[in-house]
All heavy atoms as atom14 arrays in JSON, in Angstrom:
{
  "sequence": "EHREPPKLEEPEEKPGQLVDLMAALSGSVQKARASRGEDTEVHE",
  "atom14_mask": [
    [1, 1, 1, 1, 1, 1, 1, 1, 1, 0, 0, 0, 0, 0],
    [1, 1, 1, 1, 1, 1, 1, 1, 1, 1, 0, 0, 0, 0],
    [1, 1, 1, 1, 1, 1, 1, 1, 1, 1, 1, 0, 0, 0],
    [1, 1, 1, 1, 1, 1, 1, 1, 1, 0, 0, 0, 0, 0],
    [1, 1, 1, 1, 1, 1, 1, 0, 0, 0, 0, 0, 0, 0],
    [1, 1, 1, 1, 1, 1, 1, 0, 0, 0, 0, 0, 0, 0],
    [1, 1, 1, 1, 1, 1, 1, 1, 1, 0, 0, 0, 0, 0],
    [1, 1, 1, 1, 1, 1, 1, 1, 0, 0, 0, 0, 0, 0],
    [1, 1, 1, 1, 1, 1, 1, 1, 1, 0, 0, 0, 0, 0],
    [1, 1, 1, 1, 1, 1, 1, 1, 1, 0, 0, 0, 0, 0],
    [1, 1, 1, 1, 1, 1, 1, 0, 0, 0, 0, 0, 0, 0],
    [1, 1, 1, 1, 1, 1, 1, 1, 1, 0, 0, 0, 0, 0],
    [1, 1, 1, 1, 1, 1, 1, 1, 1, 0, 0, 0, 0, 0],
    [1, 1, 1, 1, 1, 1, 1, 1, 1, 0, 0, 0, 0, 0],
    [1, 1, 1, 1, 1, 1, 1, 0, 0, 0, 0, 0, 0, 0],
    [1, 1, 1, 1, 0, 0, 0, 0, 0, 0, 0, 0, 0, 0],
    [1, 1, 1, 1, 1, 1, 1, 1, 1, 0, 0, 0, 0, 0],
    [1, 1, 1, 1, 1, 1, 1, 1, 0, 0, 0, 0, 0, 0],
    [1, 1, 1, 1, 1, 1, 1, 0, 0, 0, 0, 0, 0, 0],
    [1, 1, 1, 1, 1, 1, 1, 1, 0, 0, 0, 0, 0, 0],
    [1, 1, 1, 1, 1, 1, 1, 1, 0, 0, 0, 0, 0, 0],
    [1, 1, 1, 1, 1, 1, 1, 1, 0, 0, 0, 0, 0, 0],
    [1, 1, 1, 1, 1, 0, 0, 0, 0, 0, 0, 0, 0, 0],
    [1, 1, 1, 1, 1, 0, 0, 0, 0, 0, 0, 0, 0, 0],
    [1, 1, 1, 1, 1, 1, 1, 1, 0, 0, 0, 0, 0, 0],
    [1, 1, 1, 1, 1, 1, 0, 0, 0, 0, 0, 0, 0, 0],
    [1, 1, 1, 1, 0, 0, 0, 0, 0, 0, 0, 0, 0, 0],
    [1, 1, 1, 1, 1, 1, 0, 0, 0, 0, 0, 0, 0, 0],
    [1, 1, 1, 1, 1, 1, 1, 0, 0, 0, 0, 0, 0, 0],
    [1, 1, 1, 1, 1, 1, 1, 1, 1, 0, 0, 0, 0, 0],
    [1, 1, 1, 1, 1, 1, 1, 1, 1, 0, 0, 0, 0, 0],
    [1, 1, 1, 1, 1, 0, 0, 0, 0, 0, 0, 0, 0, 0],
    [1, 1, 1, 1, 1, 1, 1, 1, 1, 1, 1, 0, 0, 0],
    [1, 1, 1, 1, 1, 0, 0, 0, 0, 0, 0, 0, 0, 0],
    [1, 1, 1, 1, 1, 1, 0, 0, 0, 0, 0, 0, 0, 0],
    [1, 1, 1, 1, 1, 1, 1, 1, 1, 1, 1, 0, 0, 0],
    [1, 1, 1, 1, 0, 0, 0, 0, 0, 0, 0, 0, 0, 0],
    [1, 1, 1, 1, 1, 1, 1, 1, 1, 0, 0, 0, 0, 0],
    [1, 1, 1, 1, 1, 1, 1, 1, 0, 0, 0, 0, 0, 0],
    [1, 1, 1, 1, 1, 1, 1, 0, 0, 0, 0, 0, 0, 0],
    [1, 1, 1, 1, 1, 1, 1, 1, 1, 0, 0, 0, 0, 0],
    [1, 1, 1, 1, 1, 1, 1, 0, 0, 0, 0, 0, 0, 0],
    [1, 1, 1, 1, 1, 1, 1, 1, 1, 1, 0, 0, 0, 0],
    [1, 1, 1, 1, 1, 1, 1, 1, 1, 0, 0, 0, 0, 0]
  ],
  "atom14_positions": [
    [[33.58, 2.61, 39.2], [34.82, 3.39, 39.18], [34.54, 4.8, 39.54], [35.52, 5.62, 39.26], [35.47, 3.08, 37.72], [35.92, 1.68, 37.43], [36.38, 1.56, 36.01], [36.38, 2.58, 35.25], [36.7, 0.44, 35.58], [0.0, 0.0, 0.0], [0.0, 0.0, 0.0], [0.0, 0.0, 0.0], [0.0, 0.0, 0.0], [0.0, 0.0, 0.0]],
    [[33.48, 5.23, 39.96], [33.02, 6.59, 40.37], [33.29, 7.58, 39.21], [33.97, 8.58, 39.35], [33.76, 6.94, 41.66], [33.62, 6.05, 42.69], [32.32, 6.01, 43.38], [34.37, 5.14, 43.46], [32.3, 5.1, 44.34], [33.63, 4.56, 44.47], [0.0, 0.0, 0.0], [0.0, 0.0, 0.0], [0.0, 0.0, 0.0], [0.0, 0.0, 0.0]],
    [[32.81, 7.22, 38.04], [32.88, 8.14, 36.85], [31.56, 8.15, 36.26], [30.63, 7.39, 36.4], [33.98, 7.69, 35.84], [33.83, 6.36, 35.28], [35.02, 5.99, 34.37], [34.89, 4.53, 33.83], [34.24, 4.07, 32.88], [33.5, 4.93, 32.19], [34.23, 2.84, 32.7], [0.0, 0.0, 0.0], [0.0, 0.0, 0.0], [0.0, 0.0, 0.0]],
    [[31.44, 9.18, 35.41], [30.25, 9.29, 34.7], [29.87, 8.13, 33.6], [30.92, 7.78, 33.0], [30.17, 10.7, 33.93], [30.05, 11.87, 34.74], [28.55, 12.1, 35.16], [27.68, 11.74, 34.51], [28.53, 12.38, 36.44], [0.0, 0.0, 0.0], [0.0, 0.0, 0.0], [0.0, 0.0, 0.0], [0.0, 0.0, 0.0], [0.0, 0.0, 0.0]],
    [[28.76, 7.69, 33.63], [28.32, 6.63, 32.56], [28.49, 7.27, 31.19], [28.34, 8.46, 30.98], [26.93, 6.16, 32.81], [26.47, 7.32, 33.65], [27.46, 7.99, 34.36], [0.0, 0.0, 0.0], [0.0, 0.0, 0.0], [0.0, 0.0, 0.0], [0.0, 0.0, 0.0], [0.0, 0.0, 0.0], [0.0, 0.0, 0.0], [0.0, 0.0, 0.0]],
    [[28.92, 6.44, 30.2], [29.06, 6.99, 28.83], [27.69, 7.27, 28.27], [26.64, 6.76, 28.6], [29.56, 5.72, 27.97], [29.15, 4.5, 28.89], [29.16, 4.98, 30.33], [0.0, 0.0, 0.0], [0.0, 0.0, 0.0], [0.0, 0.0, 0.0], [0.0, 0.0, 0.0], [0.0, 0.0, 0.0], [0.0, 0.0, 0.0], [0.0, 0.0, 0.0]],
    [[27.68, 8.39, 27.51], [26.55, 8.77, 26.78], [26.25, 7.89, 25.61], [27.17, 7.67, 24.74], [26.75, 10.26, 26.16], [26.97, 11.25, 27.36], [25.78, 11.52, 28.11], [26.03, 12.53, 29.21], [25.07, 12.58, 30.17], [0.0, 0.0, 0.0], [0.0, 0.0, 0.0], [0.0, 0.0, 0.0], [0.0, 0.0, 0.0], [0.0, 0.0, 0.0]],
    [[24.99, 7.54, 25.52], [24.5, 6.56, 24.55], [24.09, 7.39, 23.29], [23.42, 8.3, 23.47], [23.42, 5.55, 25.05], [23.92, 4.6, 26.15], [22.68, 3.82, 26.52], [24.95, 3.7, 25.67], [0.0, 0.0, 0.0], [0.0, 0.0, 0.0], [0.0, 0.0, 0.0], [0.0, 0.0, 0.0], [0.0, 0.0, 0.0], [0.0, 0.0, 0.0]],
    [[24.39, 6.87, 22.17], [24.06, 7.47, 20.87], [22.58, 7.07, 20.7], [22.3, 5.94, 20.73], [24.88, 6.98, 19.64], [26.37, 7.43, 19.87], [27.19, 7.01, 18.8], [26.67, 6.46, 17.74], [28.39, 7.02, 18.8], [0.0, 0.0, 0.0], [0.0, 0.0, 0.0], [0.0, 0.0, 0.0], [0.0, 0.0, 0.0], [0.0, 0.0, 0.0]],
    [[21.81, 8.03, 20.27], [20.42, 7.76, 19.82], [20.36, 7.15, 18.41], [21.09, 7.69, 17.57], [19.52, 9.1, 19.9], [19.37, 9.7, 21.21], [18.45, 8.78, 22.09], [17.46, 8.21, 21.6], [18.76, 8.75, 23.26], [0.0, 0.0, 0.0], [0.0, 0.0, 0.0], [0.0, 0.0, 0.0], [0.0, 0.0, 0.0], [0.0, 0.0, 0.0]],
    [[19.61, 6.12, 18.16], [19.58, 5.57, 16.89], [18.96, 6.5, 15.83], [18.1, 7.3, 16.37], [18.75, 4.26, 17.0], [17.94, 4.51, 18.3], [18.74, 5.48, 19.16], [0.0, 0.0, 0.0], [0.0, 0.0, 0.0], [0.0, 0.0, 0.0], [0.0, 0.0, 0.0], [0.0, 0.0, 0.0], [0.0, 0.0, 0.0], [0.0, 0.0, 0.0]],
    [[19.49, 6.35, 14.57], [18.84, 7.24, 13.67], [17.29, 6.98, 13.48], [17.03, 5.73, 13.31], [19.69, 7.02, 12.31], [21.02, 7.67, 12.24], [21.67, 7.39, 10.94], [20.92, 7.3, 9.92], [22.95, 7.31, 10.82], [0.0, 0.0, 0.0], [0.0, 0.0, 0.0], [0.0, 0.0, 0.0], [0.0, 0.0, 0.0], [0.0, 0.0, 0.0]],
    [[16.75, 8.15, 13.23], [15.16, 7.76, 12.87], [15.1, 7.92, 11.44], [15.37, 8.93, 10.94], [14.41, 8.9, 13.56], [14.32, 8.59, 15.07], [13.2, 9.55, 15.78], [12.28, 9.93, 15.1], [13.29, 9.74, 16.93], [0.0, 0.0, 0.0], [0.0, 0.0, 0.0], [0.0, 0.0, 0.0], [0.0, 0.0, 0.0], [0.0, 0.0, 0.0]],
    [[14.48, 6.83, 10.93], [14.38, 7.01, 9.43], [12.95, 7.58, 9.12], [11.98, 7.17, 9.78], [14.4, 5.45, 8.86], [15.77, 4.72, 9.13], [15.74, 3.41, 8.6], [17.11, 2.8, 8.92], [17.14, 1.36, 8.62], [0.0, 0.0, 0.0], [0.0, 0.0, 0.0], [0.0, 0.0, 0.0], [0.0, 0.0, 0.0], [0.0, 0.0, 0.0]],
    [[12.81, 8.42, 8.3], [11.67, 8.97, 8.07], [10.52, 8.1, 7.44], [10.96, 7.3, 6.61], [11.95, 10.24, 7.01], [13.27, 9.77, 6.39], [13.84, 9.03, 7.41], [0.0, 0.0, 0.0], [0.0, 0.0, 0.0], [0.0, 0.0, 0.0], [0.0, 0.0, 0.0], [0.0, 0.0, 0.0], [0.0, 0.0, 0.0], [0.0, 0.0, 0.0]],
    [[9.51, 8.0, 8.15], [8.52, 7.07, 7.55], [7.6, 7.63, 6.44], [7.6, 8.89, 6.27], [0.0, 0.0, 0.0], [0.0, 0.0, 0.0], [0.0, 0.0, 0.0], [0.0, 0.0, 0.0], [0.0, 0.0, 0.0], [0.0, 0.0, 0.0], [0.0, 0.0, 0.0], [0.0, 0.0, 0.0], [0.0, 0.0, 0.0], [0.0, 0.0, 0.0]],
    [[6.84, 6.94, 5.9], [5.88, 7.41, 4.83], [4.49, 7.68, 5.46], [4.02, 6.91, 6.22], [5.8, 6.35, 3.78], [4.83, 6.69, 2.64], [4.8, 5.51, 1.58], [5.18, 4.41, 1.84], [3.93, 5.77, 0.65], [0.0, 0.0, 0.0], [0.0, 0.0, 0.0], [0.0, 0.0, 0.0], [0.0, 0.0, 0.0], [0.0, 0.0, 0.0]],
    [[4.11, 8.84, 5.24], [2.79, 9.39, 5.62], [1.68, 8.88, 4.74], [1.88, 8.97, 3.48], [2.84, 10.85, 5.91], [3.7, 11.46, 7.0], [3.61, 12.85, 6.96], [3.31, 10.83, 8.35], [0.0, 0.0, 0.0], [0.0, 0.0, 0.0], [0.0, 0.0, 0.0], [0.0, 0.0, 0.0], [0.0, 0.0, 0.0], [0.0, 0.0, 0.0]],
    [[0.66, 8.43, 5.3], [-0.35, 7.7, 4.49], [-1.67, 8.54, 4.79], [-2.02, 8.53, 6.0], [-0.54, 6.28, 4.6], [-1.74, 5.78, 3.77], [0.75, 5.67, 4.27], [0.0, 0.0, 0.0], [0.0, 0.0, 0.0], [0.0, 0.0, 0.0], [0.0, 0.0, 0.0], [0.0, 0.0, 0.0], [0.0, 0.0, 0.0], [0.0, 0.0, 0.0]],
    [[-2.44, 9.04, 3.75], [-3.62, 9.5, 3.96], [-4.67, 8.43, 3.96], [-5.04, 7.76, 2.96], [-4.01, 10.49, 2.9], [-5.34, 11.22, 3.02], [-5.96, 11.04, 4.07], [-5.83, 11.93, 2.17], [0.0, 0.0, 0.0], [0.0, 0.0, 0.0], [0.0, 0.0, 0.0], [0.0, 0.0, 0.0], [0.0, 0.0, 0.0], [0.0, 0.0, 0.0]],
    [[-5.18, 8.01, 5.28], [-5.96, 7.03, 5.41], [-7.37, 7.0, 4.54], [-7.84, 6.05, 4.08], [-6.26, 6.66, 6.81], [-5.06, 6.28, 7.67], [-5.43, 6.24, 9.18], [-4.5, 5.09, 7.21], [0.0, 0.0, 0.0], [0.0, 0.0, 0.0], [0.0, 0.0, 0.0], [0.0, 0.0, 0.0], [0.0, 0.0, 0.0], [0.0, 0.0, 0.0]],
    [[-7.86, 8.26, 4.66], [-9.22, 8.4, 4.01], [-9.03, 8.16, 2.41], [-9.79, 7.7, 1.83], [-9.8, 9.84, 4.19], [-10.35, 9.97, 5.62], [-11.57, 8.64, 5.95], [-12.84, 9.07, 4.89], [0.0, 0.0, 0.0], [0.0, 0.0, 0.0], [0.0, 0.0, 0.0], [0.0, 0.0, 0.0], [0.0, 0.0, 0.0], [0.0, 0.0, 0.0]],
    [[-7.84, 8.71, 1.91], [-7.74, 8.61, 0.48], [-7.35, 7.02, 0.08], [-7.9, 6.53, -0.98], [-6.4, 9.37, -0.01], [0.0, 0.0, 0.0], [0.0, 0.0, 0.0], [0.0, 0.0, 0.0], [0.0, 0.0, 0.0], [0.0, 0.0, 0.0], [0.0, 0.0, 0.0], [0.0, 0.0, 0.0], [0.0, 0.0, 0.0], [0.0, 0.0, 0.0]],
    [[-6.77, 6.45, 0.96], [-6.42, 5.02, 0.81], [-7.77, 4.15, 0.77], [-7.94, 3.19, 0.1], [-5.46, 4.4, 1.94], [0.0, 0.0, 0.0], [0.0, 0.0, 0.0], [0.0, 0.0, 0.0], [0.0, 0.0, 0.0], [0.0, 0.0, 0.0], [0.0, 0.0, 0.0], [0.0, 0.0, 0.0], [0.0, 0.0, 0.0], [0.0, 0.0, 0.0]],
    [[-8.64, 4.59, 1.9], [-9.89, 3.88, 2.03], [-10.82, 4.04, 0.89], [-11.39, 3.13, 0.31], [-10.57, 4.25, 3.29], [-11.86, 3.66, 3.56], [-11.79, 2.2, 3.7], [-12.5, 4.33, 4.83], [0.0, 0.0, 0.0], [0.0, 0.0, 0.0], [0.0, 0.0, 0.0], [0.0, 0.0, 0.0], [0.0, 0.0, 0.0], [0.0, 0.0, 0.0]],
    [[-10.88, 5.38, 0.32], [-11.62, 5.68, -0.86], [-11.2, 4.92, -2.04], [-12.01, 4.32, -2.79], [-11.59, 7.18, -1.14], [-12.21, 7.88, -0.02], [0.0, 0.0, 0.0], [0.0, 0.0, 0.0], [0.0, 0.0, 0.0], [0.0, 0.0, 0.0], [0.0, 0.0, 0.0], [0.0, 0.0, 0.0], [0.0, 0.0, 0.0], [0.0, 0.0, 0.0]],
    [[-9.92, 4.73, -2.22], [-9.27, 4.07, -3.33], [-9.6, 2.56, -3.29], [-9.94, 1.85, -4.27], [0.0, 0.0, 0.0], [0.0, 0.0, 0.0], [0.0, 0.0, 0.0], [0.0, 0.0, 0.0], [0.0, 0.0, 0.0], [0.0, 0.0, 0.0], [0.0, 0.0, 0.0], [0.0, 0.0, 0.0], [0.0, 0.0, 0.0], [0.0, 0.0, 0.0]],
    [[-9.58, 2.08, -2.04], [-9.88, 0.58, -1.83], [-11.31, 0.38, -2.17], [-11.68, -0.69, -2.75], [-9.55, 0.16, -0.47], [-9.92, -1.07, -0.15], [0.0, 0.0, 0.0], [0.0, 0.0, 0.0], [0.0, 0.0, 0.0], [0.0, 0.0, 0.0], [0.0, 0.0, 0.0], [0.0, 0.0, 0.0], [0.0, 0.0, 0.0], [0.0, 0.0, 0.0]],
    [[-12.25, 1.34, -1.77], [-13.67, 1.14, -1.97], [-13.91, 1.16, -3.44], [-14.65, 0.41, -4.02], [-14.48, 2.16, -1.21], [-15.92, 2.16, -1.58], [-14.39, 1.85, 0.28], [0.0, 0.0, 0.0], [0.0, 0.0, 0.0], [0.0, 0.0, 0.0], [0.0, 0.0, 0.0], [0.0, 0.0, 0.0], [0.0, 0.0, 0.0], [0.0, 0.0, 0.0]],
    [[-13.34, 2.07, -4.19], [-13.54, 2.17, -5.63], [-13.08, 0.93, -6.36], [-13.83, 0.48, -7.23], [-12.87, 3.46, -6.14], [-13.5, 4.7, -5.76], [-12.54, 6.01, -6.12], [-11.58, 5.84, -6.63], [-13.33, 7.16, -5.96], [0.0, 0.0, 0.0], [0.0, 0.0, 0.0], [0.0, 0.0, 0.0], [0.0, 0.0, 0.0], [0.0, 0.0, 0.0]],
    [[-11.96, 0.44, -5.98], [-11.39, -0.76, -6.56], [-12.31, -2.02, -6.3], [-12.65, -2.8, -7.27], [-9.97, -1.07, -6.1], [-8.99, -0.34, -6.65], [-7.61, -0.7, -6.03], [-6.49, 0.17, -6.39], [-5.22, -0.04, -5.82], [0.0, 0.0, 0.0], [0.0, 0.0, 0.0], [0.0, 0.0, 0.0], [0.0, 0.0, 0.0], [0.0, 0.0, 0.0]],
    [[-12.91, -2.12, -5.17], [-13.74, -3.27, -4.8], [-15.06, -3.15, -5.5], [-15.56, -4.13, -6.11], [-14.06, -3.17, -3.26], [0.0, 0.0, 0.0], [0.0, 0.0, 0.0], [0.0, 0.0, 0.0], [0.0, 0.0, 0.0], [0.0, 0.0, 0.0], [0.0, 0.0, 0.0], [0.0, 0.0, 0.0], [0.0, 0.0, 0.0], [0.0, 0.0, 0.0]],
    [[-15.58, -1.88, -5.66], [-16.81, -1.71, -6.38], [-16.58, -1.93, -7.92], [-17.56, -2.51, -8.56], [-17.41, -0.35, -6.21], [-17.96, -0.15, -4.75], [-18.71, 1.12, -4.62], [-19.35, 1.29, -3.26], [-19.82, 2.33, -2.78], [-19.8, 3.53, -3.63], [-20.44, 2.33, -1.67], [0.0, 0.0, 0.0], [0.0, 0.0, 0.0], [0.0, 0.0, 0.0]],
    [[-15.49, -1.53, -8.36], [-15.35, -1.78, -9.86], [-15.16, -3.15, -10.17], [-15.5, -3.64, -11.21], [-13.92, -0.96, -10.33], [0.0, 0.0, 0.0], [0.0, 0.0, 0.0], [0.0, 0.0, 0.0], [0.0, 0.0, 0.0], [0.0, 0.0, 0.0], [0.0, 0.0, 0.0], [0.0, 0.0, 0.0], [0.0, 0.0, 0.0], [0.0, 0.0, 0.0]],
    [[-14.54, -3.95, -9.26], [-14.3, -5.37, -9.49], [-15.75, -6.12, -9.47], [-15.89, -7.1, -9.97], [-13.43, -6.08, -8.38], [-13.98, -5.94, -7.16], [0.0, 0.0, 0.0], [0.0, 0.0, 0.0], [0.0, 0.0, 0.0], [0.0, 0.0, 0.0], [0.0, 0.0, 0.0], [0.0, 0.0, 0.0], [0.0, 0.0, 0.0], [0.0, 0.0, 0.0]],
    [[-16.64, -5.57, -8.79], [-18.0, -6.09, -8.73], [-18.88, -5.5, -9.77], [-19.94, -5.96, -9.88], [-18.65, -5.85, -7.3], [-17.91, -6.58, -6.18], [-18.78, -6.61, -4.88], [-18.94, -5.2, -4.48], [-18.52, -4.56, -3.5], [-17.77, -5.24, -2.62], [-18.75, -3.32, -3.24], [0.0, 0.0, 0.0], [0.0, 0.0, 0.0], [0.0, 0.0, 0.0]],
    [[-18.5, -4.57, -10.39], [-19.09, -3.97, -11.47], [-20.33, -3.06, -11.06], [-21.21, -2.61, -11.77], [0.0, 0.0, 0.0], [0.0, 0.0, 0.0], [0.0, 0.0, 0.0], [0.0, 0.0, 0.0], [0.0, 0.0, 0.0], [0.0, 0.0, 0.0], [0.0, 0.0, 0.0], [0.0, 0.0, 0.0], [0.0, 0.0, 0.0], [0.0, 0.0, 0.0]],
    [[-20.01, -2.53, -9.75], [-20.92, -1.53, -9.27], [-20.56, -0.07, -9.62], [-19.39, 0.26, -10.11], [-21.02, -1.6, -7.72], [-21.6, -3.05, -7.17], [-21.44, -3.04, -5.57], [-21.26, -2.0, -5.09], [-21.69, -4.19, -5.22], [0.0, 0.0, 0.0], [0.0, 0.0, 0.0], [0.0, 0.0, 0.0], [0.0, 0.0, 0.0], [0.0, 0.0, 0.0]],
    [[-21.35, 0.94, -9.3], [-21.04, 2.28, -9.54], [-19.89, 2.6, -8.6], [-19.89, 2.37, -7.33], [-22.25, 3.17, -9.04], [-22.0, 4.62, -9.36], [-21.18, 4.93, -10.07], [-22.73, 5.58, -8.69], [0.0, 0.0, 0.0], [0.0, 0.0, 0.0], [0.0, 0.0, 0.0], [0.0, 0.0, 0.0], [0.0, 0.0, 0.0], [0.0, 0.0, 0.0]],
    [[-18.82, 3.26, -9.13], [-17.63, 3.42, -8.31], [-17.61, 4.91, -7.69], [-16.62, 5.33, -7.34], [-16.37, 3.39, -9.27], [-16.55, 4.31, -10.33], [-16.21, 1.94, -9.74], [0.0, 0.0, 0.0], [0.0, 0.0, 0.0], [0.0, 0.0, 0.0], [0.0, 0.0, 0.0], [0.0, 0.0, 0.0], [0.0, 0.0, 0.0], [0.0, 0.0, 0.0]],
    [[-18.78, 5.67, -7.67], [-18.86, 6.97, -7.12], [-18.8, 6.86, -5.47], [-19.55, 6.18, -4.96], [-19.91, 7.71, -7.61], [-19.97, 9.13, -7.02], [-21.31, 9.88, -7.44], [-21.77, 9.52, -8.56], [-21.81, 10.65, -6.75], [0.0, 0.0, 0.0], [0.0, 0.0, 0.0], [0.0, 0.0, 0.0], [0.0, 0.0, 0.0], [0.0, 0.0, 0.0]],
    [[-17.75, 7.54, -4.97], [-17.71, 7.61, -3.54], [-17.95, 8.88, -3.02], [-17.44, 10.0, -3.55], [-16.21, 7.17, -2.99], [-16.1, 7.3, -1.49], [-15.91, 5.83, -3.52], [0.0, 0.0, 0.0], [0.0, 0.0, 0.0], [0.0, 0.0, 0.0], [0.0, 0.0, 0.0], [0.0, 0.0, 0.0], [0.0, 0.0, 0.0], [0.0, 0.0, 0.0]],
    [[-18.88, 9.2, -2.1], [-19.39, 10.28, -1.59], [-18.61, 10.76, -0.45], [-18.1, 10.01, 0.36], [-20.92, 10.31, -1.18], [-21.76, 9.84, -2.23], [-22.11, 10.69, -3.31], [-22.38, 8.68, -2.54], [-22.95, 10.01, -4.11], [-23.08, 8.85, -3.69], [0.0, 0.0, 0.0], [0.0, 0.0, 0.0], [0.0, 0.0, 0.0], [0.0, 0.0, 0.0]],
    [[-18.31, 12.15, -0.43], [-17.52, 12.76, 0.82], [-18.38, 12.71, 1.99], [-19.57, 12.75, 2.06], [-17.26, 14.17, 0.48], [-16.27, 14.38, -0.59], [-14.83, 13.98, -0.27], [-14.36, 13.99, 0.88], [-14.16, 13.34, -1.05], [0.0, 0.0, 0.0], [0.0, 0.0, 0.0], [0.0, 0.0, 0.0], [0.0, 0.0, 0.0], [0.0, 0.0, 0.0]]
  ]
}
């Protein structure tokens, strides 16, 4: 029809949850060691 195409609306972006991967890994290691009865100290 020789007219401008309609402008499409951008979908809303839902804010995601940021995760500190090193903190999550350290927590996971501590839980695993505690379940085995090992020393739960994690070094930087």
